């Protein structure tokens, strides 16, 4: 198994008549997407910072979803 790499993904959500951009995180290993959390936050910088921490610390995929939940305000 290779190293897990976390990258920001973007989705567009329709809320009533309004389109909202939201950002999530995808987990990749050897170029294959293994897990994905959409709509983590509308704050791109916040989500980019989360992914950077995950990559810097070598977060295990086993803990990915729990850590995202724990980091939400």
C-alpha atoms as a PDB file:
ATOM      1  CA  UNK A   1       0.000   0.000   0.000  1.00  0.00           C
ATOM      2  CA  UNK A   2       1.203   3.480  -0.847  1.00  0.00           C
ATOM      3  CA  UNK A   3       0.899   6.727   1.017  1.00  0.00           C
ATOM      4  CA  UNK A   4      -2.568   8.268   1.275  1.00  0.00           C
ATOM      5  CA  UNK A   5      -2.770  11.710  -0.344  1.00  0.00           C
ATOM      6  CA  UNK A   6      -5.627  14.081   0.500  1.00  0.00           C
ATOM      7  CA  UNK A   7      -6.911  16.598  -2.048  1.00  0.00           C
ATOM      8  CA  UNK A   8      -9.675  19.192  -1.992  1.00  0.00           C
ATOM      9  CA  UNK A   9     -12.720  18.597  -4.193  1.00  0.00           C
ATOM     10  CA  UNK A  10     -15.405  21.083  -5.172  1.00  0.00           C
ATOM     11  CA  UNK A  11     -19.120  20.575  -5.637  1.00  0.00           C
ATOM     12  CA  UNK A  12     -21.958  22.937  -6.470  1.00  0.00           C
ATOM     13  CA  UNK A  13     -25.112  22.666  -4.405  1.00  0.00           C
ATOM     14  CA  UNK A  14     -28.501  24.161  -5.192  1.00  0.00           C
ATOM     15  CA  UNK A  15     -30.198  25.668  -2.180  1.00  0.00           C
ATOM     16  CA  UNK A  16     -33.530  27.019  -3.317  1.00  0.00           C
ATOM     17  CA  UNK A  17     -32.715  29.243  -6.283  1.00  0.00           C
ATOM     18  CA  UNK A  18     -29.106  29.808  -5.207  1.00  0.00           C
ATOM     19  CA  UNK A  19     -26.043  27.807  -6.312  1.00  0.00           C
ATOM     20  CA  UNK A  20     -23.444  27.405  -3.559  1.00  0.00           C
ATOM     21  CA  UNK A  21     -19.890  26.117  -3.923  1.00  0.00           C
ATOM     22  CA  UNK A  22     -18.846  23.655  -1.270  1.00  0.00           C
ATOM     23  CA  UNK A  23     -15.533  21.928  -0.687  1.00  0.00           C
ATOM     24  CA  UNK A  24     -14.693  18.455   0.477  1.00  0.00           C
ATOM     25  CA  UNK A  25     -11.702  16.144   0.670  1.00  0.00           C
ATOM     26  CA  UNK A  26     -10.828  13.098  -1.400  1.00  0.00           C
ATOM     27  CA  UNK A  27      -8.347  10.447  -0.262  1.00  0.00           C
ATOM     28  CA  UNK A  28      -6.113   8.885  -2.916  1.00  0.00           C
ATOM     29  CA  UNK A  29      -3.645   6.042  -2.805  1.00  0.00           C
ATOM     30  CA  UNK A  30      -1.536   5.133  -5.834  1.00  0.00           C
ATOM     31  CA  UNK A  31      -3.680   7.512  -7.920  1.00  0.00           C
ATOM     32  CA  UNK A  32      -6.953   5.776  -7.031  1.00  0.00           C
ATOM     33  CA  UNK A  33      -9.672   7.577  -5.082  1.00  0.00           C
ATOM     34  CA  UNK A  34     -10.423   5.446  -2.022  1.00  0.00           C
ATOM     35  CA  UNK A  35     -12.747   7.731  -0.075  1.00  0.00           C
ATOM     36  CA  UNK A  36     -14.442  11.073  -0.565  1.00  0.00           C
ATOM     37  CA  UNK A  37     -16.284  13.485   1.677  1.00  0.00           C
ATOM     38  CA  UNK A  38     -18.225  16.165  -0.191  1.00  0.00           C
ATOM     39  CA  UNK A  39     -19.712  19.313   1.329  1.00  0.00           C
ATOM     40  CA  UNK A  40     -17.350  19.587   4.302  1.00  0.00           C
ATOM     41  CA  UNK A  41     -17.457  23.406   4.245  1.00  0.00           C
ATOM     42  CA  UNK A  42     -18.131  26.374   1.959  1.00  0.00           C
ATOM     43  CA  UNK A  43     -14.779  27.778   3.190  1.00  0.00           C
ATOM     44  CA  UNK A  44     -12.166  26.644   0.656  1.00  0.00           C
ATOM     45  CA  UNK A  45      -9.193  27.805   2.746  1.00  0.00           C
ATOM     46  CA  UNK A  46     -10.429  25.872   5.789  1.00  0.00           C
ATOM     47  CA  UNK A  47     -10.726  22.655   3.750  1.00  0.00           C
ATOM     48  CA  UNK A  48      -7.347  23.224   2.053  1.00  0.00           C
ATOM     49  CA  UNK A  49      -5.775  23.628   5.499  1.00  0.00           C
ATOM     50  CA  UNK A  50      -7.395  20.381   6.675  1.00  0.00           C
ATOM     51  CA  UNK A  51      -6.040  18.472   3.669  1.00  0.00           C
ATOM     52  CA  UNK A  52      -2.575  19.986   4.214  1.00  0.00           C
ATOM     53  CA  UNK A  53      -2.555  18.834   7.862  1.00  0.00           C
ATOM     54  CA  UNK A  54      -3.652  15.339   6.818  1.00  0.00           C
ATOM     55  CA  UNK A  55      -0.868  15.142   4.223  1.00  0.00           C
ATOM     56  CA  UNK A  56       1.792  16.601   6.523  1.00  0.00           C
ATOM     57  CA  UNK A  57       0.948  14.235   9.384  1.00  0.00           C
ATOM     58  CA  UNK A  58       0.391  11.152   7.214  1.00  0.00           C
ATOM     59  CA  UNK A  59      -3.179  10.642   8.446  1.00  0.00           C
ATOM     60  CA  UNK A  60      -4.267   7.024   8.083  1.00  0.00           C
ATOM     61  CA  UNK A  61      -7.319   6.491   5.894  1.00  0.00           C
ATOM     62  CA  UNK A  62      -8.866   4.523   8.783  1.00  0.00           C
ATOM     63  CA  UNK A  63      -9.164   7.769  10.769  1.00  0.00           C
ATOM     64  CA  UNK A  64     -10.070  10.113   7.878  1.00  0.00           C
ATOM     65  CA  UNK A  65     -13.813  10.501   8.477  1.00  0.00           C
ATOM     66  CA  UNK A  66     -13.537  10.771  12.260  1.00  0.00           C
ATOM     67  CA  UNK A  67     -10.805  13.414  12.074  1.00  0.00           C
ATOM     68  CA  UNK A  68     -12.790  15.495   9.574  1.00  0.00           C
ATOM     69  CA  UNK A  69     -15.794  15.374  11.900  1.00  0.00           C
ATOM     70  CA  UNK A  70     -13.626  16.306  14.906  1.00  0.00           C
ATOM     71  CA  UNK A  71     -12.167  19.334  13.074  1.00  0.00           C
ATOM     72  CA  UNK A  72     -15.506  20.865  12.094  1.00  0.00           C
ATOM     73  CA  UNK A  73     -16.452  24.005  14.031  1.00  0.00           C
END
